[in-house]
Amino acid sequence: MTVPEPTPAQTDLPAIDKVVHEPARMAILSVLDAVAEADFTFLETMLGLSKGNLSSHLTRLEVAGLITVKKSFRGRRQRTTVCITAQGRRARKEHWEQLERLHDLMRD
């Protein structure tokens, strides 16, 4: 069986960042890109994610350097505040550009 040679469009496919591409993480970055900061409860409500699921995605984004997570106390209650980093803003923007590029390649 002969494997066909890839077309120029196939060899020129844009790289997709899998950390950013996951829908919940892309949604988190999109919300954070629109606000100065957001607390955990706001993100949980806004995105409809469970506490555990949101926490897991925030950890992944923080490890990648795309967000910062700050924990503080308001009275006796812990408050978790999340901000997007400059790297996170770039990654989100580049991700959309890569998707548009992929879309354009498939239309040619």
PDB file of N, CA and C in Angstrom:
ATOM      1  N   MET A   1       0.839  -1.173   0.000  1.00  0.00           N
ATOM      2  CA  MET A   1       0.000   0.000   0.000  1.00  0.00           C
ATOM      3  C   MET A   1       0.890   1.245   0.000  1.00  0.00           C
ATOM      4  N   THR A   2       0.623   2.152  -0.888  1.00  0.00           N
ATOM      5  CA  THR A   2       1.393   3.361  -1.017  1.00  0.00           C
ATOM      6  C   THR A   2       0.717   4.493  -0.244  1.00  0.00           C
ATOM      7  N   VAL A   3       1.516   5.179   0.545  1.00  0.00           N
ATOM      8  CA  VAL A   3       0.999   6.325   1.294  1.00  0.00           C
ATOM      9  C   VAL A   3       1.133   7.556   0.415  1.00  0.00           C
ATOM     10  N   PRO A   4       0.033   8.291   0.213  1.00  0.00           N
ATOM     11  CA  PRO A   4       0.130   9.485  -0.652  1.00  0.00           C
ATOM     12  C   PRO A   4       0.979  10.563   0.007  1.00  0.00           C
ATOM     13  N   GLU A   5       1.644  11.321  -0.838  1.00  0.00           N
ATOM     14  CA  GLU A   5       2.439  12.459  -0.357  1.00  0.00           C
ATOM     15  C   GLU A   5       1.491  13.518   0.192  1.00  0.00           C
ATOM     16  N   PRO A   6       1.878  14.151   1.286  1.00  0.00           N
ATOM     17  CA  PRO A   6       1.018  15.221   1.809  1.00  0.00           C
ATOM     18  C   PRO A   6       0.990  16.405   0.858  1.00  0.00           C
ATOM     19  N   THR A   7      -0.139  17.061   0.793  1.00  0.00           N
ATOM     20  CA  THR A   7      -0.258  18.257  -0.035  1.00  0.00           C
ATOM     21  C   THR A   7       0.433  19.412   0.681  1.00  0.00           C
ATOM     22  N   PRO A   8       0.767  20.487  -0.037  1.00  0.00           N
ATOM     23  CA  PRO A   8       1.385  21.641   0.627  1.00  0.00           C
ATOM     24  C   PRO A   8       0.537  22.164   1.791  1.00  0.00           C
ATOM     25  N   ALA A   9      -0.777  22.147   1.632  1.00  0.00           N
ATOM     26  CA  ALA A   9      -1.644  22.633   2.707  1.00  0.00           C
ATOM     27  C   ALA A   9      -1.511  21.751   3.948  1.00  0.00           C
ATOM     28  N   GLN A  10      -1.357  20.442   3.749  1.00  0.00           N
ATOM     29  CA  GLN A  10      -1.237  19.530   4.892  1.00  0.00           C
ATOM     30  C   GLN A  10       0.086  19.711   5.618  1.00  0.00           C
ATOM     31  N   THR A  11       1.145  20.020   4.912  1.00  0.00           N
ATOM     32  CA  THR A  11       2.440  20.193   5.566  1.00  0.00           C
ATOM     33  C   THR A  11       2.569  21.569   6.200  1.00  0.00           C
ATOM     34  N   ASP A  12       1.684  22.484   5.832  1.00  0.00           N
ATOM     35  CA  ASP A  12       1.728  23.848   6.338  1.00  0.00           C
ATOM     36  C   ASP A  12       0.649  24.109   7.388  1.00  0.00           C
ATOM     37  N   LEU A  13       0.107  23.028   7.968  1.00  0.00           N
ATOM     38  CA  LEU A  13      -0.948  23.201   8.970  1.00  0.00           C
ATOM     39  C   LEU A  13      -0.392  23.909  10.199  1.00  0.00           C
ATOM     40  N   PRO A  14      -1.159  24.850  10.730  1.00  0.00           N
ATOM     41  CA  PRO A  14      -0.685  25.563  11.919  1.00  0.00           C
ATOM     42  C   PRO A  14      -0.684  24.663  13.145  1.00  0.00           C
ATOM     43  N   ALA A  15       0.237  24.918  14.037  1.00  0.00           N
ATOM     44  CA  ALA A  15       0.292  24.172  15.292  1.00  0.00           C
ATOM     45  C   ALA A  15      -0.790  24.718  16.215  1.00  0.00           C
ATOM     46  N   ILE A  16      -1.521  23.823  16.836  1.00  0.00           N
ATOM     47  CA  ILE A  16      -2.580  24.214  17.752  1.00  0.00           C
ATOM     48  C   ILE A  16      -2.099  23.931  19.176  1.00  0.00           C
ATOM     49  N   ASP A  17      -2.145  24.939  20.024  1.00  0.00           N
ATOM     50  CA  ASP A  17      -1.743  24.804  21.420  1.00  0.00           C
ATOM     51  C   ASP A  17      -2.833  24.058  22.176  1.00  0.00           C
ATOM     52  N   LYS A  18      -2.548  22.834  22.570  1.00  0.00           N
ATOM     53  CA  LYS A  18      -3.570  21.991  23.210  1.00  0.00           C
ATOM     54  C   LYS A  18      -3.967  22.490  24.593  1.00  0.00           C
ATOM     55  N   VAL A  19      -3.093  23.220  25.260  1.00  0.00           N
ATOM     56  CA  VAL A  19      -3.464  23.783  26.565  1.00  0.00           C
ATOM     57  C   VAL A  19      -4.564  24.827  26.366  1.00  0.00           C
ATOM     58  N   VAL A  20      -4.409  25.675  25.380  1.00  0.00           N
ATOM     59  CA  VAL A  20      -5.373  26.736  25.116  1.00  0.00           C
ATOM     60  C   VAL A  20      -6.601  26.200  24.390  1.00  0.00           C
ATOM     61  N   HIS A  21      -6.422  25.205  23.541  1.00  0.00           N
ATOM     62  CA  HIS A  21      -7.496  24.725  22.674  1.00  0.00           C
ATOM     63  C   HIS A  21      -8.645  24.060  23.437  1.00  0.00           C
ATOM     64  N   GLU A  22      -8.376  23.478  24.582  1.00  0.00           N
ATOM     65  CA  GLU A  22      -9.443  22.812  25.344  1.00  0.00           C
ATOM     66  C   GLU A  22     -10.543  23.838  25.610  1.00  0.00           C
ATOM     67  N   PRO A  23     -11.811  23.514  25.282  1.00  0.00           N
ATOM     68  CA  PRO A  23     -12.889  24.513  25.338  1.00  0.00           C
ATOM     69  C   PRO A  23     -13.039  25.236  26.677  1.00  0.00           C
ATOM     70  N   ALA A  24     -12.976  24.544  27.783  1.00  0.00           N
ATOM     71  CA  ALA A  24     -13.137  25.213  29.081  1.00  0.00           C
ATOM     72  C   ALA A  24     -11.983  26.180  29.333  1.00  0.00           C
ATOM     73  N   ARG A  25     -10.761  25.790  28.961  1.00  0.00           N
ATOM     74  CA  ARG A  25      -9.612  26.674  29.184  1.00  0.00           C
ATOM     75  C   ARG A  25      -9.674  27.883  28.256  1.00  0.00           C
ATOM     76  N   MET A  26     -10.134  27.689  27.021  1.00  0.00           N
ATOM     77  CA  MET A  26     -10.284  28.818  26.109  1.00  0.00           C
ATOM     78  C   MET A  26     -11.350  29.775  26.647  1.00  0.00           C
ATOM     79  N   ALA A  27     -12.414  29.231  27.214  1.00  0.00           N
ATOM     80  CA  ALA A  27     -13.467  30.068  27.799  1.00  0.00           C
ATOM     81  C   ALA A  27     -12.928  30.851  28.996  1.00  0.00           C
ATOM     82  N   ILE A  28     -12.147  30.199  29.833  1.00  0.00           N
ATOM     83  CA  ILE A  28     -11.542  30.879  30.992  1.00  0.00           C
ATOM     84  C   ILE A  28     -10.667  32.033  30.518  1.00  0.00           C
ATOM     85  N   LEU A  29      -9.804  31.776  29.546  1.00  0.00           N
ATOM     86  CA  LEU A  29      -8.921  32.830  29.030  1.00  0.00           C
ATOM     87  C   LEU A  29      -9.724  33.962  28.398  1.00  0.00           C
ATOM     88  N   SER A  30     -10.805  33.631  27.722  1.00  0.00           N
ATOM     89  CA  SER A  30     -11.634  34.660  27.084  1.00  0.00           C
ATOM     90  C   SER A  30     -12.296  35.554  28.121  1.00  0.00           C
ATOM     91  N   VAL A  31     -12.827  34.961  29.180  1.00  0.00           N
ATOM     92  CA  VAL A  31     -13.433  35.754  30.254  1.00  0.00           C
ATOM     93  C   VAL A  31     -12.372  36.630  30.901  1.00  0.00           C
ATOM     94  N   LEU A  32     -11.225  36.029  31.220  1.00  0.00           N
ATOM     95  CA  LEU A  32     -10.173  36.787  31.901  1.00  0.00           C
ATOM     96  C   LEU A  32      -9.592  37.894  31.027  1.00  0.00           C
ATOM     97  N   ASP A  33      -9.621  37.711  29.726  1.00  0.00           N
ATOM     98  CA  ASP A  33      -9.110  38.733  28.816  1.00  0.00           C
ATOM     99  C   ASP A  33     -10.019  39.963  28.810  1.00  0.00           C
ATOM    100  N   ALA A  34     -11.270  39.785  29.238  1.00  0.00           N
ATOM    101  CA  ALA A  34     -12.244  40.879  29.216  1.00  0.00           C
ATOM    102  C   ALA A  34     -12.350  41.630  30.550  1.00  0.00           C
ATOM    103  N   VAL A  35     -11.721  41.110  31.599  1.00  0.00           N
ATOM    104  CA  VAL A  35     -11.823  41.729  32.931  1.00  0.00           C
ATOM    105  C   VAL A  35     -10.431  41.887  33.527  1.00  0.00           C
ATOM    106  N   ALA A  36     -10.311  42.765  34.499  1.00  0.00           N
ATOM    107  CA  ALA A  36      -9.011  42.953  35.161  1.00  0.00           C
ATOM    108  C   ALA A  36      -8.647  41.722  35.976  1.00  0.00           C
ATOM    109  N   GLU A  37      -9.631  41.165  36.678  1.00  0.00           N
ATOM    110  CA  GLU A  37      -9.445  39.941  37.448  1.00  0.00           C
ATOM    111  C   GLU A  37     -10.813  39.349  37.711  1.00  0.00           C
ATOM    112  N   ALA A  38     -10.834  38.083  38.073  1.00  0.00           N
ATOM    113  CA  ALA A  38     -12.100  37.416  38.377  1.00  0.00           C
ATOM    114  C   ALA A  38     -11.893  36.493  39.560  1.00  0.00           C
ATOM    115  N   ASP A  39     -12.909  36.398  40.405  1.00  0.00           N
ATOM    116  CA  ASP A  39     -12.767  35.450  41.502  1.00  0.00           C
ATOM    117  C   ASP A  39     -13.320  34.095  41.077  1.00  0.00           C
ATOM    118  N   PHE A  40     -12.940  33.089  41.837  1.00  0.00           N
ATOM    119  CA  PHE A  40     -13.260  31.705  41.519  1.00  0.00           C
ATOM    120  C   PHE A  40     -14.766  31.516  41.334  1.00  0.00           C
ATOM    121  N   THR A  41     -15.555  32.089  42.256  1.00  0.00           N
ATOM    122  CA  THR A  41     -17.009  31.909  42.204  1.00  0.00           C
ATOM    123  C   THR A  41     -17.596  32.529  40.940  1.00  0.00           C
ATOM    124  N   PHE A  42     -17.083  33.688  40.542  1.00  0.00           N
ATOM    125  CA  PHE A  42     -17.541  34.328  39.310  1.00  0.00           C
ATOM    126  C   PHE A  42     -17.285  33.415  38.114  1.00  0.00           C
ATOM    127  N   LEU A  43     -16.069  32.876  38.016  1.00  0.00           N
ATOM    128  CA  LEU A  43     -15.733  31.992  36.896  1.00  0.00           C
ATOM    129  C   LEU A  43     -16.594  30.730  36.921  1.00  0.00           C
ATOM    130  N   GLU A  44     -16.777  30.175  38.098  1.00  0.00           N
ATOM    131  CA  GLU A  44     -17.591  28.962  38.247  1.00  0.00           C
ATOM    132  C   GLU A  44     -19.008  29.210  37.722  1.00  0.00           C
ATOM    133  N   THR A  45     -19.597  30.329  38.122  1.00  0.00           N
ATOM    134  CA  THR A  45     -20.957  30.668  37.706  1.00  0.00           C
ATOM    135  C   THR A  45     -21.011  31.015  36.223  1.00  0.00           C
ATOM    136  N   MET A  46     -20.099  31.851  35.785  1.00  0.00           N
ATOM    137  CA  MET A  46     -20.076  32.325  34.404  1.00  0.00           C
ATOM    138  C   MET A  46     -19.921  31.181  33.397  1.00  0.00           C
ATOM    139  N   LEU A  47     -19.073  30.214  33.750  1.00  0.00           N
ATOM    140  CA  LEU A  47     -18.737  29.145  32.809  1.00  0.00           C
ATOM    141  C   LEU A  47     -19.523  27.861  33.043  1.00  0.00           C
ATOM    142  N   GLY A  48     -20.227  27.763  34.162  1.00  0.00           N
ATOM    143  CA  GLY A  48     -21.019  26.566  34.435  1.00  0.00           C
ATOM    144  C   GLY A  48     -20.172  25.333  34.712  1.00  0.00           C
ATOM    145  N   LEU A  49     -18.994  25.545  35.276  1.00  0.00           N
ATOM    146  CA  LEU A  49     -18.101  24.425  35.584  1.00  0.00           C
ATOM    147  C   LEU A  49     -18.225  24.052  37.055  1.00  0.00           C
ATOM    148  N   SER A  50     -17.953  22.796  37.368  1.00  0.00           N
ATOM    149  CA  SER A  50     -17.923  22.388  38.772  1.00  0.00           C
ATOM    150  C   SER A  50     -16.659  22.949  39.414  1.00  0.00           C
ATOM    151  N   LYS A  51     -16.652  22.998  40.736  1.00  0.00           N
ATOM    152  CA  LYS A  51     -15.474  23.498  41.457  1.00  0.00           C
ATOM    153  C   LYS A  51     -14.220  22.700  41.089  1.00  0.00           C
ATOM    154  N   GLY A  52     -14.342  21.376  41.097  1.00  0.00           N
ATOM    155  CA  GLY A  52     -13.198  20.517  40.788  1.00  0.00           C
ATOM    156  C   GLY A  52     -12.707  20.690  39.364  1.00  0.00           C
ATOM    157  N   ASN A  53     -13.641  20.775  38.423  1.00  0.00           N
ATOM    158  CA  ASN A  53     -13.275  20.939  37.021  1.00  0.00           C
ATOM    159  C   ASN A  53     -12.596  22.288  36.802  1.00  0.00           C
ATOM    160  N   LEU A  54     -13.178  23.354  37.355  1.00  0.00           N
ATOM    161  CA  LEU A  54     -12.582  24.682  37.219  1.00  0.00           C
ATOM    162  C   LEU A  54     -11.199  24.714  37.857  1.00  0.00           C
ATOM    163  N   SER A  55     -11.076  24.155  39.037  1.00  0.00           N
ATOM    164  CA  SER A  55      -9.786  24.129  39.732  1.00  0.00           C
ATOM    165  C   SER A  55      -8.725  23.421  38.900  1.00  0.00           C
ATOM    166  N   SER A  56      -9.093  22.308  38.300  1.00  0.00           N
ATOM    167  CA  SER A  56      -8.164  21.540  37.469  1.00  0.00           C
ATOM    168  C   SER A  56      -7.694  22.363  36.259  1.00  0.00           C
ATOM    169  N   HIS A  57      -8.625  23.033  35.596  1.00  0.00           N
ATOM    170  CA  HIS A  57      -8.267  23.854  34.439  1.00  0.00           C
ATOM    171  C   HIS A  57      -7.416  25.056  34.842  1.00  0.00           C
ATOM    172  N   LEU A  58      -7.743  25.665  35.988  1.00  0.00           N
ATOM    173  CA  LEU A  58      -6.943  26.798  36.452  1.00  0.00           C
ATOM    174  C   LEU A  58      -5.510  26.374  36.760  1.00  0.00           C
ATOM    175  N   THR A  59      -5.368  25.209  37.356  1.00  0.00           N
ATOM    176  CA  THR A  59      -4.024  24.693  37.646  1.00  0.00           C
ATOM    177  C   THR A  59      -3.237  24.503  36.363  1.00  0.00           C
ATOM    178  N   ARG A  60      -3.856  23.918  35.365  1.00  0.00           N
ATOM    179  CA  ARG A  60      -3.182  23.681  34.080  1.00  0.00           C
ATOM    180  C   ARG A  60      -2.752  25.000  33.431  1.00  0.00           C
ATOM    181  N   LEU A  61      -3.638  25.999  33.467  1.00  0.00           N
ATOM    182  CA  LEU A  61      -3.311  27.300  32.892  1.00  0.00           C
ATOM    183  C   LEU A  61      -2.225  28.010  33.687  1.00  0.00           C
ATOM    184  N   GLU A  62      -2.254  27.873  35.004  1.00  0.00           N
ATOM    185  CA  GLU A  62      -1.244  28.508  35.852  1.00  0.00           C
ATOM    186  C   GLU A  62       0.127  27.879  35.618  1.00  0.00           C
ATOM    187  N   VAL A  63       0.187  26.570  35.545  1.00  0.00           N
ATOM    188  CA  VAL A  63       1.459  25.870  35.292  1.00  0.00           C
ATOM    189  C   VAL A  63       2.046  26.302  33.948  1.00  0.00           C
ATOM    190  N   ALA A  64       1.184  26.555  32.975  1.00  0.00           N
ATOM    191  CA  ALA A  64       1.633  26.979  31.647  1.00  0.00           C
ATOM    192  C   ALA A  64       2.026  28.464  31.619  1.00  0.00           C
ATOM    193  N   GLY A  65       1.791  29.180  32.725  1.00  0.00           N
ATOM    194  CA  GLY A  65       2.152  30.592  32.786  1.00  0.00           C
ATOM    195  C   GLY A  65       1.143  31.515  32.130  1.00  0.00           C
ATOM    196  N   LEU A  66      -0.070  31.014  31.869  1.00  0.00           N
ATOM    197  CA  LEU A  66      -1.072  31.807  31.164  1.00  0.00           C
ATOM    198  C   LEU A  66      -1.962  32.625  32.096  1.00  0.00           C
ATOM    199  N   ILE A  67      -2.007  32.232  33.367  1.00  0.00           N
ATOM    200  CA  ILE A  67      -2.774  32.971  34.373  1.00  0.00           C
ATOM    201  C   ILE A  67      -1.987  33.008  35.675  1.00  0.00           C
ATOM    202  N   THR A  68      -2.396  33.900  36.561  1.00  0.00           N
ATOM    203  CA  THR A  68      -1.890  33.888  37.934  1.00  0.00           C
ATOM    204  C   THR A  68      -3.085  33.678  38.847  1.00  0.00           C
ATOM    205  N   VAL A  69      -2.851  32.936  39.918  1.00  0.00           N
ATOM    206  CA  VAL A  69      -3.886  32.662  40.905  1.00  0.00           C
ATOM    207  C   VAL A  69      -3.390  33.199  42.237  1.00  0.00           C
ATOM    208  N   LYS A  70      -4.220  34.024  42.865  1.00  0.00           N
ATOM    209  CA  LYS A  70      -3.854  34.620  44.147  1.00  0.00           C
ATOM    210  C   LYS A  70      -4.914  34.239  45.175  1.00  0.00           C
ATOM    211  N   LYS A  71      -4.462  33.699  46.295  1.00  0.00           N
ATOM    212  CA  LYS A  71      -5.374  33.328  47.373  1.00  0.00           C
ATOM    213  C   LYS A  71      -5.214  34.316  48.514  1.00  0.00           C
ATOM    214  N   SER A  72      -6.336  34.782  49.033  1.00  0.00           N
ATOM    215  CA  SER A  72      -6.328  35.715  50.154  1.00  0.00           C
ATOM    216  C   SER A  72      -7.530  35.389  51.039  1.00  0.00           C
ATOM    217  N   PHE A  73      -7.655  36.109  52.113  1.00  0.00           N
ATOM    218  CA  PHE A  73      -8.789  35.905  53.005  1.00  0.00           C
ATOM    219  C   PHE A  73      -9.589  37.187  53.112  1.00  0.00           C
ATOM    220  N   ARG A  74     -10.872  37.051  53.080  1.00  0.00           N
ATOM    221  CA  ARG A  74     -11.805  38.139  53.348  1.00  0.00           C
ATOM    222  C   ARG A  74     -12.558  37.708  54.591  1.00  0.00           C
ATOM    223  N   GLY A  75     -12.152  38.284  55.727  1.00  0.00           N
ATOM    224  CA  GLY A  75     -12.668  37.770  56.997  1.00  0.00           C
ATOM    225  C   GLY A  75     -12.100  36.376  57.200  1.00  0.00           C
ATOM    226  N   ARG A  76     -12.959  35.425  57.409  1.00  0.00           N
ATOM    227  CA  ARG A  76     -12.519  34.036  57.577  1.00  0.00           C
ATOM    228  C   ARG A  76     -12.637  33.212  56.304  1.00  0.00           C
ATOM    229  N   ARG A  77     -13.153  33.824  55.259  1.00  0.00           N
ATOM    230  CA  ARG A  77     -13.374  33.086  54.002  1.00  0.00           C
ATOM    231  C   ARG A  77     -12.201  33.280  53.050  1.00  0.00           C
ATOM    232  N   GLN A  78     -11.784  32.177  52.482  1.00  0.00           N
ATOM    233  CA  GLN A  78     -10.711  32.251  51.490  1.00  0.00           C
ATOM    234  C   GLN A  78     -11.283  32.776  50.177  1.00  0.00           C
ATOM    235  N   ARG A  79     -10.513  33.623  49.516  1.00  0.00           N
ATOM    236  CA  ARG A  79     -10.916  34.172  48.226  1.00  0.00           C
ATOM    237  C   ARG A  79      -9.816  33.875  47.223  1.00  0.00           C
ATOM    238  N   THR A  80     -10.191  33.307  46.104  1.00  0.00           N
ATOM    239  CA  THR A  80      -9.248  33.001  45.034  1.00  0.00           C
ATOM    240  C   THR A  80      -9.519  33.953  43.877  1.00  0.00           C
ATOM    241  N   THR A  81      -8.495  34.703  43.499  1.00  0.00           N
ATOM    242  CA  THR A  81      -8.597  35.668  42.412  1.00  0.00           C
ATOM    243  C   THR A  81      -7.677  35.233  41.278  1.00  0.00           C
ATOM    244  N   VAL A  82      -8.181  35.348  40.068  1.00  0.00           N
ATOM    245  CA  VAL A  82      -7.454  34.875  38.890  1.00  0.00           C
ATOM    246  C   VAL A  82      -7.282  36.024  37.903  1.00  0.00           C
ATOM    247  N   CYS A  83      -6.072  36.149  37.340  1.00  0.00           N
ATOM    248  CA  CYS A  83      -5.765  37.163  36.322  1.00  0.00           C
ATOM    249  C   CYS A  83      -5.067  36.489  35.146  1.00  0.00           C
ATOM    250  N   ILE A  84      -5.315  36.986  33.973  1.00  0.00           N
ATOM    251  CA  ILE A  84      -4.597  36.496  32.794  1.00  0.00           C
ATOM    252  C   ILE A  84      -3.241  37.208  32.739  1.00  0.00           C
ATOM    253  N   THR A  85      -2.214  36.509  32.292  1.00  0.00           N
ATOM    254  CA  THR A  85      -0.885  37.109  32.142  1.00  0.00           C
ATOM    255  C   THR A  85      -0.728  37.637  30.714  1.00  0.00           C
ATOM    256  N   ALA A  86       0.330  38.400  30.484  1.00  0.00           N
ATOM    257  CA  ALA A  86       0.624  38.870  29.125  1.00  0.00           C
ATOM    258  C   ALA A  86       0.822  37.667  28.199  1.00  0.00           C
ATOM    259  N   GLN A  87       1.477  36.631  28.707  1.00  0.00           N
ATOM    260  CA  GLN A  87       1.680  35.409  27.923  1.00  0.00           C
ATOM    261  C   GLN A  87       0.328  34.761  27.604  1.00  0.00           C
ATOM    262  N   GLY A  88      -0.595  34.799  28.558  1.00  0.00           N
ATOM    263  CA  GLY A  88      -1.934  34.242  28.346  1.00  0.00           C
ATOM    264  C   GLY A  88      -2.702  35.005  27.280  1.00  0.00           C
ATOM    265  N   ARG A  89      -2.589  36.325  27.312  1.00  0.00           N
ATOM    266  CA  ARG A  89      -3.253  37.142  26.280  1.00  0.00           C
ATOM    267  C   ARG A  89      -2.703  36.818  24.895  1.00  0.00           C
ATOM    268  N   ARG A  90      -1.357  36.697  24.820  1.00  0.00           N
ATOM    269  CA  ARG A  90      -0.729  36.350  23.532  1.00  0.00           C
ATOM    270  C   ARG A  90      -1.174  34.966  23.063  1.00  0.00           C
ATOM    271  N   ALA A  91      -1.183  34.005  23.983  1.00  0.00           N
ATOM    272  CA  ALA A  91      -1.549  32.629  23.624  1.00  0.00           C
ATOM    273  C   ALA A  91      -2.984  32.559  23.116  1.00  0.00           C
ATOM    274  N   ARG A  92      -3.891  33.290  23.765  1.00  0.00           N
ATOM    275  CA  ARG A  92      -5.289  33.308  23.335  1.00  0.00           C
ATOM    276  C   ARG A  92      -5.412  33.923  21.949  1.00  0.00           C
ATOM    277  N   LYS A  93      -4.743  35.051  21.745  1.00  0.00           N
ATOM    278  CA  LYS A  93      -4.778  35.734  20.446  1.00  0.00           C
ATOM    279  C   LYS A  93      -4.173  34.854  19.354  1.00  0.00           C
ATOM    280  N   GLU A  94      -3.019  34.267  19.639  1.00  0.00           N
ATOM    281  CA  GLU A  94      -2.358  33.398  18.652  1.00  0.00           C
ATOM    282  C   GLU A  94      -3.199  32.171  18.345  1.00  0.00           C
ATOM    283  N   HIS A  95      -3.895  31.653  19.341  1.00  0.00           N
ATOM    284  CA  HIS A  95      -4.747  30.484  19.116  1.00  0.00           C
ATOM    285  C   HIS A  95      -5.846  30.814  18.106  1.00  0.00           C
ATOM    286  N   TRP A  96      -6.511  31.953  18.295  1.00  0.00           N
ATOM    287  CA  TRP A  96      -7.551  32.351  17.343  1.00  0.00           C
ATOM    288  C   TRP A  96      -6.961  32.562  15.951  1.00  0.00           C
ATOM    289  N   GLU A  97      -5.782  33.150  15.882  1.00  0.00           N
ATOM    290  CA  GLU A  97      -5.131  33.358  14.586  1.00  0.00           C
ATOM    291  C   GLU A  97      -4.829  32.021  13.913  1.00  0.00           C
ATOM    292  N   GLN A  98      -4.359  31.043  14.692  1.00  0.00           N
ATOM    293  CA  GLN A  98      -4.054  29.718  14.136  1.00  0.00           C
ATOM    294  C   GLN A  98      -5.335  29.046  13.630  1.00  0.00           C
ATOM    295  N   LEU A  99      -6.429  29.177  14.373  1.00  0.00           N
ATOM    296  CA  LEU A  99      -7.694  28.593  13.924  1.00  0.00           C
ATOM    297  C   LEU A  99      -8.177  29.249  12.635  1.00  0.00           C
ATOM    298  N   GLU A 100      -8.031  30.564  12.543  1.00  0.00           N
ATOM    299  CA  GLU A 100      -8.413  31.267  11.318  1.00  0.00           C
ATOM    300  C   GLU A 100      -7.532  30.830  10.153  1.00  0.00           C
ATOM    301  N   ARG A 101      -6.247  30.663  10.431  1.00  0.00           N
ATOM    302  CA  ARG A 101      -5.321  30.205   9.383  1.00  0.00           C
ATOM    303  C   ARG A 101      -5.695  28.803   8.917  1.00  0.00           C
ATOM    304  N   LEU A 102      -6.004  27.932   9.846  1.00  0.00           N
ATOM    305  CA  LEU A 102      -6.435  26.570   9.501  1.00  0.00           C
ATOM    306  C   LEU A 102      -7.708  26.613   8.670  1.00  0.00           C
ATOM    307  N   HIS A 103      -8.638  27.446   9.074  1.00  0.00           N
ATOM    308  CA  HIS A 103      -9.894  27.599   8.328  1.00  0.00           C
ATOM    309  C   HIS A 103      -9.620  28.058   6.904  1.00  0.00           C
ATOM    310  N   ASP A 104      -8.743  29.051   6.765  1.00  0.00           N
ATOM    311  CA  ASP A 104      -8.411  29.561   5.429  1.00  0.00           C
ATOM    312  C   ASP A 104      -7.726  28.500   4.578  1.00  0.00           C
ATOM    313  N   LEU A 105      -6.833  27.706   5.182  1.00  0.00           N
ATOM    314  CA  LEU A 105      -6.153  26.644   4.431  1.00  0.00           C
ATOM    315  C   LEU A 105      -7.137  25.607   3.921  1.00  0.00           C
ATOM    316  N   MET A 106      -8.145  25.303   4.705  1.00  0.00           N
ATOM    317  CA  MET A 106      -9.110  24.277   4.313  1.00  0.00           C
ATOM    318  C   MET A 106     -10.077  24.797   3.236  1.00  0.00           C
ATOM    319  N   ARG A 107     -10.213  26.096   3.137  1.00  0.00           N
ATOM    320  CA  ARG A 107     -11.098  26.673   2.116  1.00  0.00           C
ATOM    321  C   ARG A 107     -10.421  26.781   0.770  1.00  0.00           C
ATOM    322  N   ASP A 108      -9.089  26.769   0.750  1.00  0.00           N
ATOM    323  CA  ASP A 108      -8.361  26.913  -0.530  1.00  0.00           C
ATOM    324  C   ASP A 108      -8.465  25.676  -1.379  1.00  0.00           C
TER     325      ASP A 108
END
